[in-house]
Amino acid sequence: MQTAILDVLNTVSSWVWGAPLLILLVGTGVYLTVLLRGLQLTALGHALYLALIVRREPDDQPGDISHFQALMTALAATVGTGNIAGVATAIAAGGPGAMFWMWVTGVFGMATKYAEAVLAVRFRQREADGTMSGGPMYYLRDGLGQPWLATMFAVFAAVAAFGIGNMVQSNSVAHAAHDTFGIPAWVTGLAMAVGTAVVILGGIQSIGRAASALVPAMIVLYVGASVAVLVLTADQIGNSFALIFRHAFTPTAAAGGFLGSAVMMTIRMGVARGVFSNESGLGSSPIAAAAAQTRHPVAQALVSMTQTFIDTLVVCTGTGLVIINTGAWTSGATGAALTTQAFRTGLGGEIGAVIVALGLIFFAYTTLLGWSYYGEKAMQYLFGTAVILPYRAVFCVLIAVGAVAELELVWTFSDVMNGLMAFPNLIALIGLSGVVASETRHYLAELKRGVER
């Protein structure tokens, strides 16, 4: 019975995450890029300034957490196992050229992420307890006037939060901790459940503070290790870029354990893993953007779009170049095992394996924190504020369960829900693109007059 259900879910998952969704996701990014005249490129410097230098607006601005904390919360949920195992899977199946197509999804995904955040802040609402709520549920209902699509999105997000945002992550951490450090899965699960409870029971302010401390540290550690490998294998960097650009448009021949790849496979794997990594268009991260203290929707949107830049064009690039530079991509390995082999080759000894394991553990743990908030807001939209504390308690219990359970069914089902989130969200982005353009023109006019930073 379970095998039959799994077969059905795998079929549904392959359809949901198939070519139509990937084309729609990237196509929406292309459309928004044209509409906004390449804002994600022309305003990137200003966006990074707001995110990393200014970091927050005055406390009298509406919102629960700072620009920076909202960005780190979204990055906590986004920078995860996809940055380590997902990139490796793309290259193992599609060859070095898959990295180019991940970059393409990252560039256009920045425009999508920007538009999501504009709408999230524009249509957010203040709850009775004084906190902010926003995201696709609200701009679908109040902006597009489609409450049924808003409810669908909230249901998909709530289910995905318990699966791909919870049990799947704790299971990944438990396996990494056991395989590298010999820690029993139940110990890891219990520790993570307690550690998550301490943070999320304090609400978005507590999550924002924790994310602001953990996320920068883990990214600097992982990217720093990637740079160290690239320095040690600097003589291969030119060749790596040549492989990436050449095989983005031409088939990759078999080499070593790599079986070869057609161009369409290279494109599909690069786009799919790029989208899965940065989540642009899925509608999750604007839920965090809506909590930010900001006077103008565009100010937070510019900060939010740097999330995709950091996730895909920095962290994923680090993983990909390490795999290609060290030659590990021809080994026949895939997933986290391929990334581990690449770091072992680049750094020598077991330090590479430890860095990848620590990356997996911290990336997955912070994903728990970010997705706990996404799920909470989806549940609150559906059932009201009374559900918040019971939700947080159940979320923490399921972390411990996920660490020791067999999760193939849970993984596949939540993967389907995660993909389904995109459809109503993309309808809203296209339908409300005029609002995004109008808000952008207003902000840029203020910026030119010196009203905004």
Protein backbone atom coordinates (compact mmCIF):
# COMPACT_ATOMS: atom_id res chain seq x y z
CA MET A 1 0.00 0.00 0.00
CA GLN A 2 2.74 2.46 0.96
CA THR A 3 4.67 1.66 -2.22
CA ALA A 4 1.58 2.37 -4.34
CA ILE A 5 0.97 5.69 -2.59
CA LEU A 6 4.61 6.63 -3.02
CA ASP A 7 4.46 5.82 -6.73
CA VAL A 8 1.42 8.07 -7.12
CA LEU A 9 3.09 10.89 -5.16
CA ASN A 10 6.27 10.59 -7.23
CA THR A 11 4.21 10.88 -10.40
CA VAL A 12 2.39 13.93 -9.07
CA SER A 13 5.68 15.47 -7.89
CA SER A 14 7.28 15.01 -11.32
CA TRP A 15 4.28 16.79 -12.87
CA VAL A 16 4.18 19.62 -10.33
CA TRP A 17 7.93 20.24 -10.61
CA GLY A 18 7.94 19.59 -14.36
CA ALA A 19 8.64 21.87 -17.30
CA PRO A 20 5.40 23.94 -17.06
CA LEU A 21 6.16 25.17 -13.53
CA LEU A 22 9.84 25.78 -14.22
CA ILE A 23 9.01 27.72 -17.39
CA LEU A 24 6.36 29.72 -15.52
CA LEU A 25 8.77 30.50 -12.67
CA VAL A 26 11.60 31.65 -14.91
CA GLY A 27 9.21 33.30 -17.36
CA THR A 28 7.68 35.38 -14.57
CA GLY A 29 11.17 36.48 -13.59
CA VAL A 30 11.94 37.47 -17.18
CA TYR A 31 8.65 39.40 -17.47
CA LEU A 32 9.28 41.27 -14.21
CA THR A 33 12.87 42.00 -15.23
CA VAL A 34 11.63 43.67 -18.42
CA LEU A 35 8.82 45.48 -16.60
CA LEU A 36 11.23 46.81 -13.95
CA ARG A 37 13.99 47.55 -16.48
CA GLY A 38 16.54 45.27 -14.89
CA LEU A 39 16.15 46.79 -11.42
CA GLN A 40 17.77 43.76 -9.78
CA LEU A 41 21.02 44.67 -11.55
CA THR A 42 20.88 48.47 -11.61
CA ALA A 43 19.83 48.76 -7.96
CA LEU A 44 21.86 45.85 -6.55
CA GLY A 45 24.47 48.15 -4.98
CA HIS A 46 21.78 50.22 -3.24
CA ALA A 47 20.02 47.03 -2.13
CA LEU A 48 23.18 45.61 -0.56
CA TYR A 49 23.77 48.98 1.12
CA LEU A 50 20.31 48.88 2.69
CA ALA A 51 20.67 45.22 3.70
CA LEU A 52 24.21 45.14 5.06
CA ILE A 53 25.12 48.74 5.97
CA VAL A 54 21.90 50.50 6.99
CA ARG A 55 20.38 47.22 8.27
CA ARG A 56 17.35 48.82 9.92
CA GLU A 57 15.00 51.78 9.69
CA PRO A 58 13.97 53.90 12.69
CA ASP A 59 11.99 51.99 15.34
CA ASP A 60 8.92 54.17 14.80
CA GLN A 61 8.35 52.56 11.39
CA PRO A 62 5.65 49.87 11.27
CA GLY A 63 6.88 46.29 11.53
CA ASP A 64 8.20 43.71 13.97
CA ILE A 65 11.85 43.21 13.00
CA SER A 66 14.57 45.12 11.15
CA HIS A 67 15.39 44.95 7.42
CA PHE A 68 18.41 42.82 8.25
CA GLN A 69 16.53 40.46 10.56
CA ALA A 70 13.81 39.92 7.94
CA LEU A 71 16.49 39.15 5.36
CA MET A 72 18.29 36.74 7.71
CA THR A 73 15.00 35.00 8.59
CA ALA A 74 14.27 34.47 4.90
CA LEU A 75 17.85 33.32 4.29
CA ALA A 76 17.55 30.96 7.25
CA ALA A 77 14.67 29.23 5.51
CA THR A 78 16.22 29.35 2.03
CA VAL A 79 19.91 28.55 2.51
CA GLY A 80 19.66 24.85 3.23
CA THR A 81 20.54 21.42 1.98
CA GLY A 82 19.83 22.57 -1.58
CA ASN A 83 22.95 24.73 -1.45
CA ILE A 84 25.08 21.68 -0.67
CA ALA A 85 23.29 18.58 -1.97
CA GLY A 86 21.09 20.29 -4.57
CA VAL A 87 23.94 21.95 -6.44
CA ALA A 88 25.86 18.67 -6.46
CA THR A 89 22.83 16.80 -7.82
CA ALA A 90 22.45 19.35 -10.63
CA ILE A 91 26.10 19.04 -11.68
CA ALA A 92 26.14 15.24 -11.28
CA ALA A 93 23.19 14.90 -13.65
CA GLY A 94 23.64 17.90 -15.94
CA GLY A 95 27.38 18.51 -15.95
CA PRO A 96 29.22 21.79 -15.30
CA GLY A 97 26.87 23.70 -17.62
CA ALA A 98 24.08 23.30 -15.05
CA MET A 99 25.87 25.96 -13.00
CA PHE A 100 25.24 28.54 -15.76
CA TRP A 101 21.50 27.84 -15.71
CA MET A 102 21.46 28.13 -11.92
CA TRP A 103 22.95 31.60 -12.37
CA VAL A 104 20.23 32.45 -14.91
CA THR A 105 17.49 31.44 -12.46
CA GLY A 106 19.25 33.46 -9.77
CA VAL A 107 19.39 36.66 -11.84
CA PHE A 108 15.76 36.51 -12.95
CA GLY A 109 14.70 35.14 -9.56
CA MET A 110 15.91 38.36 -7.95
CA ALA A 111 13.20 40.27 -9.84
CA THR A 112 10.60 37.75 -8.69
CA LYS A 113 11.77 37.95 -5.09
CA TYR A 114 11.63 41.76 -5.30
CA ALA A 115 8.05 41.76 -6.57
CA GLU A 116 6.94 39.29 -3.88
CA ALA A 117 8.31 41.52 -1.13
CA VAL A 118 6.77 44.71 -2.58
CA LEU A 119 3.34 43.08 -2.51
CA ALA A 120 3.91 41.49 0.91
CA VAL A 121 4.58 44.86 2.56
CA ARG A 122 2.01 46.72 0.46
CA PHE A 123 -0.85 44.42 1.50
CA ARG A 124 0.25 43.39 5.00
CA GLN A 125 -2.04 43.92 7.99
CA ARG A 126 -1.57 44.53 11.69
CA GLU A 127 -3.04 41.85 13.97
CA ALA A 128 -4.86 42.45 17.25
CA ASP A 129 -1.67 41.64 19.18
CA GLY A 130 0.22 44.33 17.26
CA THR A 131 2.27 42.00 15.04
CA MET A 132 2.32 42.18 11.26
CA SER A 133 0.99 39.52 8.90
CA GLY A 134 1.57 39.42 5.18
CA GLY A 135 2.56 37.33 2.22
CA PRO A 136 0.77 35.70 -0.71
CA MET A 137 -2.35 34.95 1.36
CA TYR A 138 -2.94 38.66 1.85
CA TYR A 139 -2.02 40.00 -1.58
CA LEU A 140 -4.07 37.23 -3.20
CA ARG A 141 -7.08 38.13 -1.04
CA ASP A 142 -6.82 41.91 -0.71
CA GLY A 143 -4.82 42.80 -3.82
CA LEU A 144 -6.03 40.36 -6.44
CA GLY A 145 -9.44 39.81 -4.85
CA GLN A 146 -9.14 36.00 -4.93
CA PRO A 147 -9.71 34.68 -1.38
CA TRP A 148 -10.02 31.08 -2.58
CA LEU A 149 -6.50 31.23 -4.06
CA ALA A 150 -5.30 32.76 -0.80
CA THR A 151 -6.75 29.84 1.15
CA MET A 152 -5.19 27.33 -1.24
CA PHE A 153 -1.78 28.93 -0.79
CA ALA A 154 -2.12 28.93 3.00
CA VAL A 155 -3.04 25.22 3.02
CA PHE A 156 -0.11 24.30 0.78
CA ALA A 157 2.31 26.37 2.89
CA ALA A 158 1.06 24.93 6.19
CA VAL A 159 1.50 21.35 4.99
CA ALA A 160 4.92 22.08 3.48
CA ALA A 161 6.05 23.65 6.75
CA PHE A 162 5.50 20.40 8.65
CA GLY A 163 7.26 18.34 6.00
CA ILE A 164 9.97 20.04 3.94
CA GLY A 165 10.32 22.79 6.56
CA ASN A 166 10.41 20.49 9.58
CA MET A 167 10.74 16.70 9.62
CA VAL A 168 12.77 16.48 6.41
CA GLN A 169 15.26 19.00 7.82
CA SER A 170 15.62 17.31 11.23
CA ASN A 171 16.08 13.97 9.46
CA SER A 172 18.90 15.44 7.34
CA VAL A 173 20.62 16.85 10.42
CA ALA A 174 20.27 13.55 12.30
CA HIS A 175 21.86 11.59 9.45
CA ALA A 176 24.71 14.09 9.04
CA ALA A 177 25.41 14.13 12.79
CA HIS A 178 25.36 10.32 12.98
CA ASP A 179 27.49 9.70 9.88
CA THR A 180 30.15 12.28 10.75
CA PHE A 181 30.18 12.42 14.55
CA GLY A 182 28.46 9.18 15.59
CA ILE A 183 25.65 10.96 17.48
CA PRO A 184 22.45 8.86 17.80
CA ALA A 185 19.53 10.22 15.78
CA TRP A 186 17.23 10.51 18.81
CA VAL A 187 19.77 12.65 20.65
CA THR A 188 20.05 15.01 17.68
CA GLY A 189 16.27 15.15 17.32
CA LEU A 190 15.72 15.97 20.97
CA ALA A 191 18.45 18.62 20.98
CA MET A 192 17.02 20.28 17.88
CA ALA A 193 13.46 20.18 19.22
CA VAL A 194 14.55 21.92 22.43
CA GLY A 195 16.81 24.36 20.59
CA THR A 196 14.03 25.28 18.17
CA ALA A 197 11.45 25.63 20.95
CA VAL A 198 13.67 28.09 22.83
CA VAL A 199 13.76 30.29 19.73
CA ILE A 200 10.30 30.03 18.15
CA LEU A 201 8.27 30.28 21.35
CA GLY A 202 9.45 33.90 21.51
CA GLY A 203 7.87 34.71 18.15
CA ILE A 204 9.30 36.53 15.14
CA GLN A 205 11.48 38.87 17.22
CA SER A 206 13.25 35.87 18.76
CA ILE A 207 13.53 34.14 15.37
CA GLY A 208 14.92 37.33 13.83
CA ARG A 209 17.59 37.67 16.53
CA ALA A 210 18.62 34.02 16.24
CA ALA A 211 18.74 34.14 12.44
CA SER A 212 20.81 37.34 12.53
CA ALA A 213 23.40 35.60 14.68
CA LEU A 214 23.49 32.17 13.02
CA VAL A 215 22.97 32.83 9.32
CA PRO A 216 25.86 35.26 8.70
CA ALA A 217 28.23 33.01 10.68
CA MET A 218 27.29 29.84 8.80
CA ILE A 219 27.45 31.53 5.39
CA VAL A 220 30.84 33.10 6.13
CA LEU A 221 32.18 29.74 7.35
CA TYR A 222 30.93 27.79 4.34
CA VAL A 223 31.81 30.39 1.71
CA GLY A 224 35.18 30.92 3.40
CA ALA A 225 35.92 27.20 3.10
CA SER A 226 34.84 27.31 -0.56
CA VAL A 227 37.19 30.23 -1.23
CA ALA A 228 40.02 28.34 0.49
CA VAL A 229 39.51 25.39 -1.89
CA LEU A 230 39.42 27.72 -4.89
CA VAL A 231 42.66 29.38 -3.78
CA LEU A 232 44.33 25.97 -3.41
CA THR A 233 43.10 24.93 -6.86
CA ALA A 234 43.44 28.36 -8.49
CA ASP A 235 45.10 26.90 -11.58
CA GLN A 236 41.78 25.23 -12.47
CA ILE A 237 39.48 28.26 -12.17
CA GLY A 238 39.83 29.31 -15.80
CA ASN A 239 39.14 25.79 -16.99
CA SER A 240 36.11 25.53 -14.69
CA PHE A 241 34.50 28.64 -16.13
CA ALA A 242 35.26 27.40 -19.64
CA LEU A 243 33.48 24.12 -18.84
CA ILE A 244 30.50 25.96 -17.35
CA PHE A 245 29.95 28.26 -20.33
CA ARG A 246 30.77 25.71 -23.01
CA HIS A 247 28.55 22.97 -21.65
CA ALA A 248 25.65 25.31 -20.93
CA PHE A 249 24.97 25.13 -24.66
CA THR A 250 26.68 21.93 -25.82
CA PRO A 251 26.36 18.31 -24.61
CA THR A 252 28.75 17.15 -21.89
CA ALA A 253 30.67 14.04 -22.87
CA ALA A 254 31.12 11.12 -20.48
CA ALA A 255 34.19 11.51 -18.27
CA GLY A 256 35.25 9.17 -15.49
CA GLY A 257 32.14 8.29 -13.52
CA PHE A 258 30.10 11.04 -15.21
CA LEU A 259 27.87 9.43 -17.82
CA GLY A 260 27.42 12.46 -20.04
CA SER A 261 24.48 14.85 -20.43
CA ALA A 262 22.36 16.34 -23.20
CA VAL A 263 21.82 20.10 -23.28
CA MET A 264 18.15 19.79 -22.25
CA MET A 265 19.12 17.79 -19.16
CA THR A 266 21.73 20.43 -18.30
CA ILE A 267 19.15 23.21 -18.57
CA ARG A 268 16.46 21.30 -16.67
CA MET A 269 18.74 20.37 -13.78
CA GLY A 270 20.24 23.84 -13.50
CA VAL A 271 16.88 25.60 -13.55
CA ALA A 272 15.16 23.09 -11.25
CA ARG A 273 17.89 23.12 -8.61
CA GLY A 274 18.29 26.89 -8.88
CA VAL A 275 14.58 27.43 -8.23
CA PHE A 276 14.56 24.83 -5.45
CA SER A 277 17.50 26.53 -3.78
CA ASN A 278 16.42 30.19 -3.85
CA GLU A 279 12.63 29.60 -3.72
CA SER A 280 11.98 32.71 -5.84
CA GLY A 281 8.35 32.59 -6.92
CA LEU A 282 7.24 29.96 -4.41
CA GLY A 283 5.84 32.63 -2.09
CA SER A 284 7.53 31.62 1.18
CA SER A 285 10.02 34.42 1.84
CA PRO A 286 7.59 37.36 1.41
CA ILE A 287 5.95 36.15 4.64
CA ALA A 288 9.13 37.19 6.45
CA ALA A 289 9.47 40.40 4.42
CA ALA A 290 6.03 41.50 5.63
CA ALA A 291 7.31 41.61 9.22
CA ALA A 292 10.06 44.13 8.48
CA GLN A 293 10.12 47.65 9.88
CA THR A 294 9.95 49.81 6.78
CA ARG A 295 8.23 52.97 5.58
CA HIS A 296 8.09 51.97 1.92
CA PRO A 297 7.45 48.53 0.39
CA VAL A 298 10.27 48.97 -2.12
CA ALA A 299 12.92 49.55 0.55
CA GLN A 300 12.28 46.10 2.03
CA ALA A 301 11.86 44.57 -1.42
CA LEU A 302 15.34 45.71 -2.41
CA VAL A 303 16.70 44.10 0.76
CA SER A 304 14.71 40.92 0.09
CA MET A 305 16.03 40.49 -3.43
CA THR A 306 19.58 40.27 -2.07
CA GLN A 307 18.45 36.96 -0.54
CA THR A 308 18.46 35.31 -3.97
CA PHE A 309 21.77 36.98 -4.82
CA ILE A 310 23.39 35.60 -1.65
CA ASP A 311 21.77 32.17 -1.88
CA THR A 312 22.33 31.35 -5.55
CA LEU A 313 25.02 33.68 -6.86
CA VAL A 314 27.26 33.40 -3.77
CA VAL A 315 26.64 30.22 -1.76
CA CYS A 316 25.58 27.90 -4.61
CA THR A 317 28.38 29.25 -6.78
CA GLY A 318 30.86 28.37 -4.04
CA THR A 319 29.63 24.78 -3.94
CA GLY A 320 29.55 24.44 -7.73
CA LEU A 321 33.02 25.83 -8.36
CA VAL A 322 34.53 23.62 -5.65
CA ILE A 323 32.97 20.53 -7.27
CA ILE A 324 34.16 21.49 -10.76
CA ASN A 325 37.57 22.88 -9.75
CA THR A 326 38.55 19.73 -7.87
CA GLY A 327 37.39 17.46 -10.69
CA ALA A 328 35.02 15.66 -8.31
CA TRP A 329 32.15 16.11 -10.78
CA THR A 330 33.54 13.22 -12.86
CA SER A 331 33.60 10.81 -9.89
CA GLY A 332 30.10 9.42 -10.32
CA ALA A 333 29.03 10.54 -6.83
CA THR A 334 25.99 12.76 -6.34
CA GLY A 335 24.25 14.84 -3.68
CA ALA A 336 25.98 15.63 -0.40
CA ALA A 337 28.44 12.79 -0.99
CA LEU A 338 29.76 14.59 -4.08
CA THR A 339 30.15 17.88 -2.23
CA THR A 340 31.91 16.09 0.63
CA GLN A 341 34.31 14.42 -1.80
CA ALA A 342 35.07 17.76 -3.46
CA PHE A 343 35.89 19.47 -0.16
CA ARG A 344 37.97 16.48 0.96
CA THR A 345 39.96 16.70 -2.27
CA GLY A 346 40.34 20.46 -2.04
CA LEU A 347 41.27 20.76 1.63
CA GLY A 348 42.79 17.35 2.27
CA GLY A 349 42.00 14.98 5.14
CA GLU A 350 38.70 14.93 6.99
CA ILE A 351 38.37 18.67 7.53
CA GLY A 352 36.45 18.94 4.26
CA ALA A 353 33.94 16.31 5.37
CA VAL A 354 33.50 18.07 8.73
CA ILE A 355 32.85 21.43 7.05
CA VAL A 356 30.20 19.93 4.76
CA ALA A 357 28.57 18.12 7.71
CA LEU A 358 28.52 21.29 9.80
CA GLY A 359 27.13 23.19 6.82
CA LEU A 360 24.33 20.66 6.42
CA ILE A 361 23.55 20.75 10.15
CA PHE A 362 23.42 24.53 10.52
CA PHE A 363 21.75 25.15 7.17
CA ALA A 364 19.03 22.61 8.01
CA TYR A 365 18.58 23.88 11.58
CA THR A 366 18.11 27.49 10.50
CA THR A 367 15.66 26.28 7.84
CA LEU A 368 13.58 24.94 10.74
CA LEU A 369 13.50 28.41 12.28
CA GLY A 370 12.50 30.21 9.09
CA TRP A 371 9.88 27.70 8.03
CA SER A 372 8.36 27.57 11.52
CA TYR A 373 7.36 31.20 10.99
CA TYR A 374 6.03 30.59 7.48
CA GLY A 375 3.89 27.72 8.71
CA GLU A 376 2.71 29.73 11.71
CA LYS A 377 1.50 32.59 9.54
CA ALA A 378 -0.24 30.19 7.15
CA MET A 379 -2.01 28.49 10.07
CA GLN A 380 -2.90 31.86 11.60
CA TYR A 381 -4.46 32.95 8.30
CA LEU A 382 -6.57 29.78 8.21
CA PHE A 383 -7.57 29.43 11.87
CA GLY A 384 -6.79 32.68 13.69
CA THR A 385 -4.34 33.65 16.42
CA ALA A 386 -5.57 30.98 18.86
CA VAL A 387 -3.74 28.33 16.83
CA ILE A 388 -0.27 29.89 17.22
CA LEU A 389 0.89 28.35 20.53
CA PRO A 390 -0.48 24.85 19.76
CA TYR A 391 1.16 25.07 16.33
CA ARG A 392 4.54 25.94 17.82
CA ALA A 393 4.31 23.04 20.26
CA VAL A 394 3.38 20.52 17.56
CA PHE A 395 6.11 21.88 15.29
CA CYS A 396 8.76 21.22 17.94
CA VAL A 397 7.47 17.72 18.70
CA LEU A 398 7.57 16.80 15.00
CA ILE A 399 11.22 17.84 14.81
CA ALA A 400 12.09 15.04 17.24
CA VAL A 401 9.83 12.60 15.38
CA GLY A 402 11.35 13.49 12.02
CA ALA A 403 14.88 12.80 13.24
CA VAL A 404 14.17 9.11 13.80
CA ALA A 405 11.37 8.37 11.27
CA GLU A 406 11.38 7.02 7.72
CA LEU A 407 10.22 10.02 5.73
CA GLU A 408 10.02 9.04 2.08
CA LEU A 409 6.26 9.57 1.94
CA VAL A 410 6.46 12.77 4.00
CA TRP A 411 9.26 14.13 1.83
CA THR A 412 7.46 13.48 -1.45
CA PHE A 413 4.08 14.79 -0.26
CA SER A 414 5.54 17.98 1.21
CA ASP A 415 7.62 18.45 -1.94
CA VAL A 416 4.37 18.44 -3.92
CA MET A 417 2.83 21.00 -1.53
CA ASN A 418 5.94 23.18 -1.80
CA GLY A 419 5.67 23.21 -5.59
CA LEU A 420 1.92 23.88 -5.54
CA MET A 421 2.54 27.05 -3.52
CA ALA A 422 4.02 28.61 -6.64
CA PHE A 423 0.90 28.51 -8.83
CA PRO A 424 -1.36 30.92 -6.87
CA ASN A 425 1.65 33.06 -6.00
CA LEU A 426 2.72 33.49 -9.63
CA ILE A 427 -0.86 34.33 -10.62
CA ALA A 428 -0.74 37.15 -8.07
CA LEU A 429 2.68 38.38 -9.21
CA ILE A 430 1.53 38.65 -12.80
CA GLY A 431 -1.90 40.05 -11.93
CA LEU A 432 -0.48 42.66 -9.55
CA SER A 433 2.64 43.51 -11.56
CA GLY A 434 1.18 46.97 -12.20
CA VAL A 435 1.14 47.62 -8.45
CA VAL A 436 4.80 46.53 -8.23
CA ALA A 437 5.75 48.90 -11.06
CA SER A 438 3.80 51.79 -9.52
CA GLU A 439 5.36 51.35 -6.08
CA THR A 440 8.80 51.13 -7.69
CA ARG A 441 8.33 54.39 -9.63
CA HIS A 442 7.14 56.12 -6.46
CA TYR A 443 10.18 54.98 -4.47
CA LEU A 444 12.68 55.86 -7.19
CA ALA A 445 11.14 59.33 -7.47
CA GLU A 446 11.51 59.80 -3.71
CA LEU A 447 15.07 58.48 -3.86
CA LYS A 448 15.90 61.00 -6.57
CA ARG A 449 14.51 63.82 -4.39
CA GLY A 450 16.50 62.57 -1.40
CA VAL A 451 13.42 61.58 0.63
CA GLU A 452 14.52 57.93 0.90
CA ARG A 453 17.98 56.52 1.48
